PDB file of N, CA and C in Angstrom:
ATOM      1  N   GLN A   1       0.741  -1.262   0.063  1.00  0.00           N
ATOM      2  CA  GLN A   1      -0.311   0.095  -0.299  1.00  0.00           C
ATOM      3  C   GLN A   1       0.672   1.447   0.034  1.00  0.00           C
ATOM      4  N   VAL A   2       0.889   2.005  -0.792  1.00  0.00           N
ATOM      5  CA  VAL A   2       1.004   3.328  -1.699  1.00  0.00           C
ATOM      6  C   VAL A   2       0.694   4.357   0.000  1.00  0.00           C
ATOM      7  N   GLN A   3       1.770   5.223   0.280  1.00  0.00           N
ATOM      8  CA  GLN A   3       1.455   6.143   1.341  1.00  0.00           C
ATOM      9  C   GLN A   3       3.088   6.770   1.267  1.00  0.00           C
ATOM     10  N   LEU A   4       1.677   8.410   1.293  1.00  0.00           N
ATOM     11  CA  LEU A   4       2.773   9.198   1.147  1.00  0.00           C
ATOM     12  C   LEU A   4       2.264  10.305   2.508  1.00  0.00           C
ATOM     13  N   VAL A   5       4.244  10.632   2.979  1.00  0.00           N
ATOM     14  CA  VAL A   5       3.911  11.635   4.518  1.00  0.00           C
ATOM     15  C   VAL A   5       4.838  12.185   4.347  1.00  0.00           C
ATOM     16  N   GLU A   6       4.598  13.766   4.183  1.00  0.00           N
ATOM     17  CA  GLU A   6       4.249  15.550   4.343  1.00  0.00           C
ATOM     18  C   GLU A   6       5.285  16.091   5.727  1.00  0.00           C
ATOM     19  N   SER A   7       6.349  16.821   5.484  1.00  0.00           N
ATOM     20  CA  SER A   7       6.930  17.335   5.832  1.00  0.00           C
ATOM     21  C   SER A   7       7.111  18.455   5.825  1.00  0.00           C
ATOM     22  N   GLY A   8       7.745  19.630   6.677  1.00  0.00           N
ATOM     23  CA  GLY A   8       8.091  21.589   6.767  1.00  0.00           C
ATOM     24  C   GLY A   8       6.969  21.992   6.600  1.00  0.00           C
ATOM     25  N   GLY A   9       5.679  22.175   7.233  1.00  0.00           N
ATOM     26  CA  GLY A   9       4.957  23.079   6.953  1.00  0.00           C
ATOM     27  C   GLY A   9       5.361  23.493   8.217  1.00  0.00           C
ATOM     28  N   GLY A  10       4.126  25.354   8.794  1.00  0.00           N
ATOM     29  CA  GLY A  10       4.523  26.005   9.913  1.00  0.00           C
ATOM     30  C   GLY A  10       4.177  27.469   9.933  1.00  0.00           C
ATOM     31  N   LEU A  11       4.648  27.757  11.022  1.00  0.00           N
ATOM     32  CA  LEU A  11       4.121  29.565  10.729  1.00  0.00           C
ATOM     33  C   LEU A  11       5.503  30.061  10.294  1.00  0.00           C
ATOM     34  N   VAL A  12       5.265  30.710  10.017  1.00  0.00           N
ATOM     35  CA  VAL A  12       6.639  31.477   8.720  1.00  0.00           C
ATOM     36  C   VAL A  12       5.705  33.172   8.743  1.00  0.00           C
ATOM     37  N   GLN A  13       6.677  34.526   8.896  1.00  0.00           N
ATOM     38  CA  GLN A  13       6.193  35.476   8.862  1.00  0.00           C
ATOM     39  C   GLN A  13       6.692  35.654   7.287  1.00  0.00           C
ATOM     40  N   PRO A  14       5.766  37.059   6.582  1.00  0.00           N
ATOM     41  CA  PRO A  14       5.694  37.341   5.080  1.00  0.00           C
ATOM     42  C   PRO A  14       7.395  37.704   4.675  1.00  0.00           C
ATOM     43  N   GLY A  15       7.582  36.922   3.784  1.00  0.00           N
ATOM     44  CA  GLY A  15       9.052  37.700   3.689  1.00  0.00           C
ATOM     45  C   GLY A  15       9.827  36.390   4.187  1.00  0.00           C
ATOM     46  N   GLY A  16       9.163  35.388   4.539  1.00  0.00           N
ATOM     47  CA  GLY A  16      10.326  34.085   5.190  1.00  0.00           C
ATOM     48  C   GLY A  16      10.000  33.318   4.282  1.00  0.00           C
ATOM     49  N   SER A  17      11.141  32.215   4.158  1.00  0.00           N
ATOM     50  CA  SER A  17      10.812  30.708   3.409  1.00  0.00           C
ATOM     51  C   SER A  17      10.583  29.425   4.605  1.00  0.00           C
ATOM     52  N   LEU A  18      10.226  28.419   3.120  1.00  0.00           N
ATOM     53  CA  LEU A  18      10.135  26.895   3.928  1.00  0.00           C
ATOM     54  C   LEU A  18       9.620  26.131   2.920  1.00  0.00           C
ATOM     55  N   ARG A  19      10.562  24.962   3.617  1.00  0.00           N
ATOM     56  CA  ARG A  19      10.874  23.583   2.380  1.00  0.00           C
ATOM     57  C   ARG A  19       9.779  22.730   2.854  1.00  0.00           C
ATOM     58  N   LEU A  20       9.036  22.307   2.084  1.00  0.00           N
ATOM     59  CA  LEU A  20       8.072  20.735   2.023  1.00  0.00           C
ATOM     60  C   LEU A  20       9.118  19.308   1.898  1.00  0.00           C
ATOM     61  N   SER A  21       8.977  18.400   2.372  1.00  0.00           N
ATOM     62  CA  SER A  21       8.577  17.648   2.056  1.00  0.00           C
ATOM     63  C   SER A  21       7.893  16.270   2.086  1.00  0.00           C
ATOM     64  N   CYS A  22       8.439  15.165   0.456  1.00  0.00           N
ATOM     65  CA  CYS A  22       6.724  14.154   0.583  1.00  0.00           C
ATOM     66  C   CYS A  22       7.551  13.067   0.268  1.00  0.00           C
ATOM     67  N   ALA A  23       7.554  12.228   0.797  1.00  0.00           N
ATOM     68  CA  ALA A  23       8.401  10.936   0.914  1.00  0.00           C
ATOM     69  C   ALA A  23       7.078   9.924   0.739  1.00  0.00           C
ATOM     70  N   ALA A  24       7.410   8.668  -0.169  1.00  0.00           N
ATOM     71  CA  ALA A  24       6.785   7.484  -1.012  1.00  0.00           C
ATOM     72  C   ALA A  24       7.213   6.849   0.020  1.00  0.00           C
ATOM     73  N   SER A  25       6.335   5.653   0.276  1.00  0.00           N
ATOM     74  CA  SER A  25       6.436   4.045   1.347  1.00  0.00           C
ATOM     75  C   SER A  25       5.420   3.599   0.192  1.00  0.00           C
ATOM     76  N   GLY A  26       5.587   2.264   0.838  1.00  0.00           N
ATOM     77  CA  GLY A  26       4.825   0.595  -0.474  1.00  0.00           C
ATOM     78  C   GLY A  26       5.141   0.610  -1.577  1.00  0.00           C
ATOM     79  N   SER A  27       4.636  -0.070  -2.382  1.00  0.00           N
ATOM     80  CA  SER A  27       5.349  -0.484  -4.103  1.00  0.00           C
ATOM     81  C   SER A  27       4.522   0.245  -4.636  1.00  0.00           C
ATOM     82  N   ILE A  28       4.955   1.796  -4.807  1.00  0.00           N
ATOM     83  CA  ILE A  28       4.938   2.960  -5.429  1.00  0.00           C
ATOM     84  C   ILE A  28       6.047   2.211  -7.019  1.00  0.00           C
ATOM     85  N   PHE A  29       5.131   2.312  -8.292  1.00  0.00           N
ATOM     86  CA  PHE A  29       6.424   2.111  -9.320  1.00  0.00           C
ATOM     87  C   PHE A  29       6.108   2.782 -10.488  1.00  0.00           C
ATOM     88  N   SER A  30       6.922   3.417 -11.831  1.00  0.00           N
ATOM     89  CA  SER A  30       6.537   4.197 -12.931  1.00  0.00           C
ATOM     90  C   SER A  30       5.481   5.065 -12.740  1.00  0.00           C
ATOM     91  N   ILE A  31       6.846   6.292 -11.611  1.00  0.00           N
ATOM     92  CA  ILE A  31       6.012   7.367 -11.603  1.00  0.00           C
ATOM     93  C   ILE A  31       5.862   8.080 -12.563  1.00  0.00           C
ATOM     94  N   ASN A  32       5.069   8.629 -12.422  1.00  0.00           N
ATOM     95  CA  ASN A  32       4.794   9.770 -13.819  1.00  0.00           C
ATOM     96  C   ASN A  32       5.163  11.235 -13.531  1.00  0.00           C
ATOM     97  N   SER A  33       4.189  11.598 -12.480  1.00  0.00           N
ATOM     98  CA  SER A  33       5.036  12.938 -11.780  1.00  0.00           C
ATOM     99  C   SER A  33       4.846  12.972 -10.292  1.00  0.00           C
ATOM    100  N   MET A  34       5.133  13.882  -9.798  1.00  0.00           N
ATOM    101  CA  MET A  34       5.192  14.605  -8.609  1.00  0.00           C
ATOM    102  C   MET A  34       4.307  15.813  -8.467  1.00  0.00           C
ATOM    103  N   ALA A  35       3.294  15.696  -7.466  1.00  0.00           N
ATOM    104  CA  ALA A  35       2.967  17.439  -7.665  1.00  0.00           C
ATOM    105  C   ALA A  35       2.724  17.808  -6.575  1.00  0.00           C
ATOM    106  N   TRP A  36       2.549  19.171  -5.947  1.00  0.00           N
ATOM    107  CA  TRP A  36       2.262  19.673  -4.898  1.00  0.00           C
ATOM    108  C   TRP A  36       1.152  20.473  -4.908  1.00  0.00           C
ATOM    109  N   TYR A  37       0.059  20.539  -3.819  1.00  0.00           N
ATOM    110  CA  TYR A  37      -1.722  21.379  -4.274  1.00  0.00           C
ATOM    111  C   TYR A  37      -1.835  21.743  -3.057  1.00  0.00           C
ATOM    112  N   ARG A  38      -2.333  23.058  -3.404  1.00  0.00           N
ATOM    113  CA  ARG A  38      -2.722  23.272  -1.599  1.00  0.00           C
ATOM    114  C   ARG A  38      -4.004  24.032  -1.446  1.00  0.00           C
ATOM    115  N   GLN A  39      -5.073  23.680  -0.539  1.00  0.00           N
ATOM    116  CA  GLN A  39      -6.292  24.683  -0.430  1.00  0.00           C
ATOM    117  C   GLN A  39      -6.215  25.486   0.869  1.00  0.00           C
ATOM    118  N   PRO A  40      -6.657  27.339   0.013  1.00  0.00           N
ATOM    119  CA  PRO A  40      -6.646  27.971   0.721  1.00  0.00           C
ATOM    120  C   PRO A  40      -8.009  27.773   1.811  1.00  0.00           C
ATOM    121  N   PRO A  41      -7.911  28.596   2.925  1.00  0.00           N
ATOM    122  CA  PRO A  41      -9.575  28.350   3.674  1.00  0.00           C
ATOM    123  C   PRO A  41     -10.685  28.778   3.000  1.00  0.00           C
ATOM    124  N   GLY A  42     -11.380  27.745   2.823  1.00  0.00           N
ATOM    125  CA  GLY A  42     -12.581  28.262   2.184  1.00  0.00           C
ATOM    126  C   GLY A  42     -12.663  28.132   0.785  1.00  0.00           C
ATOM    127  N   LYS A  43     -11.558  27.795  -0.132  1.00  0.00           N
ATOM    128  CA  LYS A  43     -11.193  27.539  -1.308  1.00  0.00           C
ATOM    129  C   LYS A  43     -10.942  26.563  -1.672  1.00  0.00           C
ATOM    130  N   GLU A  44     -10.833  26.037  -3.718  1.00  0.00           N
ATOM    131  CA  GLU A  44     -10.854  24.804  -3.196  1.00  0.00           C
ATOM    132  C   GLU A  44      -9.460  24.627  -3.673  1.00  0.00           C
ATOM    133  N   ARG A  45      -9.477  23.596  -3.936  1.00  0.00           N
ATOM    134  CA  ARG A  45      -7.455  23.007  -4.334  1.00  0.00           C
ATOM    135  C   ARG A  45      -7.493  23.158  -5.565  1.00  0.00           C
ATOM    136  N   GLU A  46      -6.189  23.435  -5.766  1.00  0.00           N
ATOM    137  CA  GLU A  46      -4.825  23.984  -6.243  1.00  0.00           C
ATOM    138  C   GLU A  46      -3.806  24.101  -7.242  1.00  0.00           C
ATOM    139  N   LEU A  47      -3.172  23.707  -7.583  1.00  0.00           N
ATOM    140  CA  LEU A  47      -2.220  23.415  -8.192  1.00  0.00           C
ATOM    141  C   LEU A  47      -1.376  23.922  -8.151  1.00  0.00           C
ATOM    142  N   VAL A  48      -0.267  23.856  -7.348  1.00  0.00           N
ATOM    143  CA  VAL A  48       0.712  24.610  -7.220  1.00  0.00           C
ATOM    144  C   VAL A  48       2.022  24.251  -8.100  1.00  0.00           C
ATOM    145  N   ALA A  49       2.463  23.514  -7.883  1.00  0.00           N
ATOM    146  CA  ALA A  49       3.718  22.829  -9.243  1.00  0.00           C
ATOM    147  C   ALA A  49       3.637  21.315  -9.227  1.00  0.00           C
ATOM    148  N   ARG A  50       4.035  21.503 -10.246  1.00  0.00           N
ATOM    149  CA  ARG A  50       4.115  19.597 -10.972  1.00  0.00           C
ATOM    150  C   ARG A  50       5.794  19.327 -11.402  1.00  0.00           C
ATOM    151  N   ILE A  51       5.994  17.679 -10.744  1.00  0.00           N
ATOM    152  CA  ILE A  51       7.476  17.894 -11.731  1.00  0.00           C
ATOM    153  C   ILE A  51       7.189  15.976 -12.922  1.00  0.00           C
ATOM    154  N   PHE A  52       7.490  15.906 -13.804  1.00  0.00           N
ATOM    155  CA  PHE A  52       7.329  14.907 -14.079  1.00  0.00           C
ATOM    156  C   PHE A  52       8.424  14.399 -14.507  1.00  0.00           C
ATOM    157  N   THR A  53       8.529  12.842 -15.003  1.00  0.00           N
ATOM    158  CA  THR A  53       9.658  11.961 -14.542  1.00  0.00           C
ATOM    159  C   THR A  53      11.386  12.422 -15.521  1.00  0.00           C
ATOM    160  N   GLY A  54      10.830  13.117 -16.478  1.00  0.00           N
ATOM    161  CA  GLY A  54      11.752  13.789 -17.286  1.00  0.00           C
ATOM    162  C   GLY A  54      12.380  14.938 -16.665  1.00  0.00           C
ATOM    163  N   GLY A  55      12.250  15.585 -15.440  1.00  0.00           N
ATOM    164  CA  GLY A  55      12.286  16.516 -14.549  1.00  0.00           C
ATOM    165  C   GLY A  55      11.579  17.938 -15.524  1.00  0.00           C
ATOM    166  N   SER A  56      10.358  18.216 -16.168  1.00  0.00           N
ATOM    167  CA  SER A  56      10.156  18.924 -16.841  1.00  0.00           C
ATOM    168  C   SER A  56       9.215  19.432 -15.447  1.00  0.00           C
ATOM    169  N   THR A  57       9.057  21.225 -14.964  1.00  0.00           N
ATOM    170  CA  THR A  57       8.279  21.556 -14.112  1.00  0.00           C
ATOM    171  C   THR A  57       6.929  22.302 -14.536  1.00  0.00           C
ATOM    172  N   ASN A  58       6.106  22.763 -14.446  1.00  0.00           N
ATOM    173  CA  ASN A  58       5.714  24.187 -14.924  1.00  0.00           C
ATOM    174  C   ASN A  58       4.593  24.090 -12.863  1.00  0.00           C
ATOM    175  N   TYR A  59       4.332  25.674 -13.131  1.00  0.00           N
ATOM    176  CA  TYR A  59       4.198  26.373 -11.753  1.00  0.00           C
ATOM    177  C   TYR A  59       2.785  27.320 -11.661  1.00  0.00           C
ATOM    178  N   ALA A  60       1.871  27.312 -10.945  1.00  0.00           N
ATOM    179  CA  ALA A  60       1.306  28.400 -11.363  1.00  0.00           C
ATOM    180  C   ALA A  60       1.877  29.631 -11.050  1.00  0.00           C
ATOM    181  N   ASP A  61       0.685  30.881 -12.149  1.00  0.00           N
ATOM    182  CA  ASP A  61       1.731  31.831 -12.042  1.00  0.00           C
ATOM    183  C   ASP A  61       1.406  32.570 -10.753  1.00  0.00           C
ATOM    184  N   SER A  62       0.648  32.849  -9.892  1.00  0.00           N
ATOM    185  CA  SER A  62       1.167  33.135  -8.435  1.00  0.00           C
ATOM    186  C   SER A  62       2.360  33.478  -7.319  1.00  0.00           C
ATOM    187  N   VAL A  63       3.319  31.671  -8.203  1.00  0.00           N
ATOM    188  CA  VAL A  63       4.120  31.196  -7.257  1.00  0.00           C
ATOM    189  C   VAL A  63       5.590  31.258  -7.990  1.00  0.00           C
ATOM    190  N   LYS A  64       5.702  31.551  -9.416  1.00  0.00           N
ATOM    191  CA  LYS A  64       6.906  31.680 -10.218  1.00  0.00           C
ATOM    192  C   LYS A  64       7.950  32.845  -9.822  1.00  0.00           C
ATOM    193  N   GLY A  65       8.519  32.078  -9.734  1.00  0.00           N
ATOM    194  CA  GLY A  65      10.428  32.395  -9.107  1.00  0.00           C
ATOM    195  C   GLY A  65       9.659  32.827  -7.872  1.00  0.00           C
ATOM    196  N   ARG A  66       8.832  32.360  -7.100  1.00  0.00           N
ATOM    197  CA  ARG A  66       9.358  32.114  -5.752  1.00  0.00           C
ATOM    198  C   ARG A  66       9.404  30.542  -5.504  1.00  0.00           C
ATOM    199  N   PHE A  67       9.040  29.850  -6.244  1.00  0.00           N
ATOM    200  CA  PHE A  67       9.288  28.330  -5.200  1.00  0.00           C
ATOM    201  C   PHE A  67       9.719  27.402  -6.540  1.00  0.00           C
ATOM    202  N   THR A  68      10.151  26.088  -5.935  1.00  0.00           N
ATOM    203  CA  THR A  68      10.830  25.654  -6.683  1.00  0.00           C
ATOM    204  C   THR A  68      10.648  24.313  -5.770  1.00  0.00           C
ATOM    205  N   ILE A  69      10.094  23.453  -7.179  1.00  0.00           N
ATOM    206  CA  ILE A  69       9.540  22.019  -7.021  1.00  0.00           C
ATOM    207  C   ILE A  69      11.210  21.344  -7.129  1.00  0.00           C
ATOM    208  N   SER A  70      11.438  20.195  -6.690  1.00  0.00           N
ATOM    209  CA  SER A  70      12.514  19.672  -7.233  1.00  0.00           C
ATOM    210  C   SER A  70      12.654  17.965  -6.228  1.00  0.00           C
ATOM    211  N   LYS A  71      13.099  16.902  -6.781  1.00  0.00           N
ATOM    212  CA  LYS A  71      12.583  15.150  -6.629  1.00  0.00           C
ATOM    213  C   LYS A  71      14.165  14.647  -6.121  1.00  0.00           C
ATOM    214  N   ASP A  72      14.315  13.445  -5.773  1.00  0.00           N
ATOM    215  CA  ASP A  72      15.058  12.402  -5.224  1.00  0.00           C
ATOM    216  C   ASP A  72      14.714  11.844  -5.361  1.00  0.00           C
ATOM    217  N   ASN A  73      15.234  10.998  -6.669  1.00  0.00           N
ATOM    218  CA  ASN A  73      14.434   9.218  -7.351  1.00  0.00           C
ATOM    219  C   ASN A  73      14.852   8.697  -6.841  1.00  0.00           C
ATOM    220  N   ALA A  74      16.036   8.469  -6.026  1.00  0.00           N
ATOM    221  CA  ALA A  74      16.811   7.794  -5.051  1.00  0.00           C
ATOM    222  C   ALA A  74      15.593   7.272  -3.670  1.00  0.00           C
ATOM    223  N   LYS A  75      14.972   8.535  -3.070  1.00  0.00           N
ATOM    224  CA  LYS A  75      14.500   8.470  -2.280  1.00  0.00           C
ATOM    225  C   LYS A  75      12.868   8.503  -1.900  1.00  0.00           C
ATOM    226  N   ASN A  76      12.102   8.843  -3.385  1.00  0.00           N
ATOM    227  CA  ASN A  76      11.113   8.814  -3.939  1.00  0.00           C
ATOM    228  C   ASN A  76      10.412  10.168  -3.322  1.00  0.00           C
ATOM    229  N   THR A  77      11.475  10.980  -3.107  1.00  0.00           N
ATOM    230  CA  THR A  77      10.587  11.756  -2.061  1.00  0.00           C
ATOM    231  C   THR A  77      10.664  13.422  -3.080  1.00  0.00           C
ATOM    232  N   VAL A  78       9.472  14.109  -3.010  1.00  0.00           N
ATOM    233  CA  VAL A  78       9.461  15.286  -3.676  1.00  0.00           C
ATOM    234  C   VAL A  78       9.021  16.582  -2.402  1.00  0.00           C
ATOM    235  N   TYR A  79      10.246  17.721  -3.151  1.00  0.00           N
ATOM    236  CA  TYR A  79      10.048  19.331  -2.454  1.00  0.00           C
ATOM    237  C   TYR A  79       9.889  20.027  -2.890  1.00  0.00           C
ATOM    238  N   LEU A  80       8.976  20.721  -1.552  1.00  0.00           N
ATOM    239  CA  LEU A  80       8.705  22.466  -2.493  1.00  0.00           C
ATOM    240  C   LEU A  80       9.773  23.440  -1.654  1.00  0.00           C
ATOM    241  N   GLN A  81      10.498  23.989  -2.814  1.00  0.00           N
ATOM    242  CA  GLN A  81      11.323  24.928  -1.344  1.00  0.00           C
ATOM    243  C   GLN A  81      10.599  26.699  -1.810  1.00  0.00           C
ATOM    244  N   MET A  82       9.976  26.946  -0.691  1.00  0.00           N
ATOM    245  CA  MET A  82       8.912  28.268  -0.671  1.00  0.00           C
ATOM    246  C   MET A  82       9.691  28.990  -0.391  1.00  0.00           C
ATOM    247  N   ASN A  83      10.146  30.330  -1.137  1.00  0.00           N
ATOM    248  CA  ASN A  83      11.186  31.628  -0.350  1.00  0.00           C
ATOM    249  C   ASN A  83       9.865  32.524  -0.787  1.00  0.00           C
ATOM    250  N   SER A  84       9.534  34.040   0.120  1.00  0.00           N
ATOM    251  CA  SER A  84       9.374  34.467   0.132  1.00  0.00           C
ATOM    252  C   SER A  84       7.798  34.777  -0.611  1.00  0.00           C
ATOM    253  N   LEU A  85       7.405  34.250   1.044  1.00  0.00           N
ATOM    254  CA  LEU A  85       6.195  33.799   1.733  1.00  0.00           C
ATOM    255  C   LEU A  85       5.387  35.087   1.793  1.00  0.00           C
ATOM    256  N   LYS A  86       3.807  34.720   1.188  1.00  0.00           N
ATOM    257  CA  LYS A  86       3.041  35.915   1.285  1.00  0.00           C
ATOM    258  C   LYS A  86       1.735  35.599   2.271  1.00  0.00           C
ATOM    259  N   PRO A  87       0.907  36.548   2.604  1.00  0.00           N
ATOM    260  CA  PRO A  87      -0.411  35.547   4.021  1.00  0.00           C
ATOM    261  C   PRO A  87      -1.476  34.837   2.831  1.00  0.00           C
ATOM    262  N   GLU A  88      -1.094  35.317   1.105  1.00  0.00           N
ATOM    263  CA  GLU A  88      -3.020  34.238   0.593  1.00  0.00           C
ATOM    264  C   GLU A  88      -1.809  33.191  -0.111  1.00  0.00           C
ATOM    265  N   ASP A  89      -0.748  32.554   0.678  1.00  0.00           N
ATOM    266  CA  ASP A  89       0.465  31.434   0.761  1.00  0.00           C
ATOM    267  C   ASP A  89      -0.577  31.062   1.559  1.00  0.00           C
ATOM    268  N   THR A  90      -0.865  30.586   2.039  1.00  0.00           N
ATOM    269  CA  THR A  90      -1.625  30.085   3.661  1.00  0.00           C
ATOM    270  C   THR A  90      -2.731  29.666   2.933  1.00  0.00           C
ATOM    271  N   ALA A  91      -2.181  28.256   3.183  1.00  0.00           N
ATOM    272  CA  ALA A  91      -3.125  27.222   2.728  1.00  0.00           C
ATOM    273  C   ALA A  91      -2.400  25.689   3.401  1.00  0.00           C
ATOM    274  N   VAL A  92      -3.525  24.420   3.329  1.00  0.00           N
ATOM    275  CA  VAL A  92      -3.263  23.121   3.629  1.00  0.00           C
ATOM    276  C   VAL A  92      -2.510  22.576   1.781  1.00  0.00           C
ATOM    277  N   TYR A  93      -1.218  22.377   2.386  1.00  0.00           N
ATOM    278  CA  TYR A  93      -0.270  21.691   1.026  1.00  0.00           C
ATOM    279  C   TYR A  93      -0.417  20.402   1.311  1.00  0.00           C
ATOM    280  N   TYR A  94      -1.037  19.970  -0.167  1.00  0.00           N
ATOM    281  CA  TYR A  94      -0.750  18.378  -0.274  1.00  0.00           C
ATOM    282  C   TYR A  94      -0.026  17.897  -1.570  1.00  0.00           C
ATOM    283  N   CYS A  95       0.592  17.177  -0.829  1.00  0.00           N
ATOM    284  CA  CYS A  95       1.310  16.412  -2.100  1.00  0.00           C
ATOM    285  C   CYS A  95       0.956  15.166  -3.449  1.00  0.00           C
ATOM    286  N   LYS A  96       1.028  14.873  -4.082  1.00  0.00           N
ATOM    287  CA  LYS A  96       0.537  13.943  -5.045  1.00  0.00           C
ATOM    288  C   LYS A  96       1.543  13.404  -6.224  1.00  0.00           C
ATOM    289  N   TYR A  97       1.133  12.495  -5.900  1.00  0.00           N
ATOM    290  CA  TYR A  97       2.492  11.106  -7.108  1.00  0.00           C
ATOM    291  C   TYR A  97       1.135  10.447  -7.969  1.00  0.00           C
ATOM    292  N   THR A  98       1.526  10.624  -9.365  1.00  0.00           N
ATOM    293  CA  THR A  98       0.485   9.956 -10.064  1.00  0.00           C
ATOM    294  C   THR A  98       1.475   8.879 -10.699  1.00  0.00           C
ATOM    295  N   ALA A  99       0.872   7.839 -10.678  1.00  0.00           N
ATOM    296  CA  ALA A  99       1.684   6.506 -10.881  1.00  0.00           C
ATOM    297  C   ALA A  99       0.640   5.298 -11.500  1.00  0.00           C
ATOM    298  N   GLY A 100       2.455   4.225 -11.968  1.00  0.00           N
ATOM    299  CA  GLY A 100       1.437   3.184 -12.443  1.00  0.00           C
ATOM    300  C   GLY A 100       0.995   2.743 -13.698  1.00  0.00           C
ATOM    301  N   TRP A 101       0.713   1.877 -13.994  1.00  0.00           N
ATOM    302  CA  TRP A 101       1.199   1.514 -15.539  1.00  0.00           C
ATOM    303  C   TRP A 101      -0.810   1.735 -15.969  1.00  0.00           C
ATOM    304  N   ILE A 102      -1.202   1.879 -15.503  1.00  0.00           N
ATOM    305  CA  ILE A 102      -2.980   2.149 -14.832  1.00  0.00           C
ATOM    306  C   ILE A 102      -2.806   3.828 -14.843  1.00  0.00           C
ATOM    307  N   PRO A 103      -2.160   4.871 -14.420  1.00  0.00           N
ATOM    308  CA  PRO A 103      -2.280   6.236 -14.246  1.00  0.00           C
ATOM    309  C   PRO A 103      -3.002   6.309 -13.080  1.00  0.00           C
ATOM    310  N   THR A 104      -2.612   6.347 -11.011  1.00  0.00           N
ATOM    311  CA  THR A 104      -3.291   6.088 -10.227  1.00  0.00           C
ATOM    312  C   THR A 104      -2.695   7.707  -9.646  1.00  0.00           C
ATOM    313  N   ASP A 105      -3.600   8.156  -8.831  1.00  0.00           N
ATOM    314  CA  ASP A 105      -3.018   9.248  -7.642  1.00  0.00           C
ATOM    315  C   ASP A 105      -3.018   8.594  -6.172  1.00  0.00           C
ATOM    316  N   TYR A 106      -1.688   9.387  -5.654  1.00  0.00           N
ATOM    317  CA  TYR A 106      -1.693   8.972  -4.233  1.00  0.00           C
ATOM    318  C   TYR A 106      -1.533  10.586  -3.840  1.00  0.00           C
ATOM    319  N   TRP A 107      -2.882  10.740  -2.803  1.00  0.00           N
ATOM    320  CA  TRP A 107      -2.054  12.306  -2.110  1.00  0.00           C
ATOM    321  C   TRP A 107      -1.544  11.866  -0.890  1.00  0.00           C
ATOM    322  N   GLY A 108      -0.987  12.516  -0.211  1.00  0.00           N
ATOM    323  CA  GLY A 108      -0.859  12.899   0.658  1.00  0.00           C
ATOM    324  C   GLY A 108      -1.226  13.677   1.955  1.00  0.00           C
ATOM    325  N   GLN A 109      -1.326  13.630   3.376  1.00  0.00           N
ATOM    326  CA  GLN A 109      -2.342  14.138   4.493  1.00  0.00           C
ATOM    327  C   GLN A 109      -2.593  15.302   4.309  1.00  0.00           C
ATOM    328  N   GLY A 110      -2.015  16.247   3.899  1.00  0.00           N
ATOM    329  CA  GLY A 110      -1.719  17.790   4.088  1.00  0.00           C
ATOM    330  C   GLY A 110      -1.053  17.852   5.180  1.00  0.00           C
ATOM    331  N   THR A 111      -0.520  19.119   5.021  1.00  0.00           N
ATOM    332  CA  THR A 111       0.120  19.704   5.553  1.00  0.00           C
ATOM    333  C   THR A 111       0.220  21.616   5.903  1.00  0.00           C
ATOM    334  N   GLN A 112      -0.075  21.889   6.756  1.00  0.00           N
ATOM    335  CA  GLN A 112      -0.339  23.692   7.286  1.00  0.00           C
ATOM    336  C   GLN A 112       0.507  24.860   6.940  1.00  0.00           C
ATOM    337  N   VAL A 113       0.385  25.701   6.030  1.00  0.00           N
ATOM    338  CA  VAL A 113       1.664  26.201   6.002  1.00  0.00           C
ATOM    339  C   VAL A 113       0.214  27.591   6.498  1.00  0.00           C
ATOM    340  N   THR A 114       1.359  28.250   7.421  1.00  0.00           N
ATOM    341  CA  THR A 114       0.509  30.323   7.543  1.00  0.00           C
ATOM    342  C   THR A 114       1.568  30.883   7.493  1.00  0.00           C
ATOM    343  N   VAL A 115       1.299  32.254   6.676  1.00  0.00           N
ATOM    344  CA  VAL A 115       2.232  32.880   7.029  1.00  0.00           C
ATOM    345  C   VAL A 115       1.611  34.378   7.385  1.00  0.00           C
ATOM    346  N   SER A 116       1.602  34.413   8.672  1.00  0.00           N
ATOM    347  CA  SER A 116       1.588  35.901   9.515  1.00  0.00           C
ATOM    348  C   SER A 116       2.787  36.661   9.766  1.00  0.00           C
ATOM    349  N   SER A 117       2.366  37.243  10.754  1.00  0.00           N
ATOM    350  CA  SER A 117       3.052  38.148  11.153  1.00  0.00           C
ATOM    351  C   SER A 117       2.519  38.429  12.570  1.00  0.00           C
TER     352      SER A 117
END
């Protein structure tokens, strides 16, 4: 059974930085992509950043130039480096892996990020 465990969330002041991690365990293979989503209070979940097997990435316009997604294939781990954080970045952040010959989505449990002075 595949399990995704996120870490690195917390409270940070505007302009600060955080690094989120998401490690996969269990029988996961043929990973197509890894992604970070977020769900601000009272809003729908939205894509923040995604990285594909070959290393290509895409980002939401709101985080371009501030956030960087990366991965460590050997550890089955994806990271999200978040710099110049703003109050509007406050949300629960979720990682998602898409894997398998018939693509299946696996979600983490979410980690809270709060940007406030």
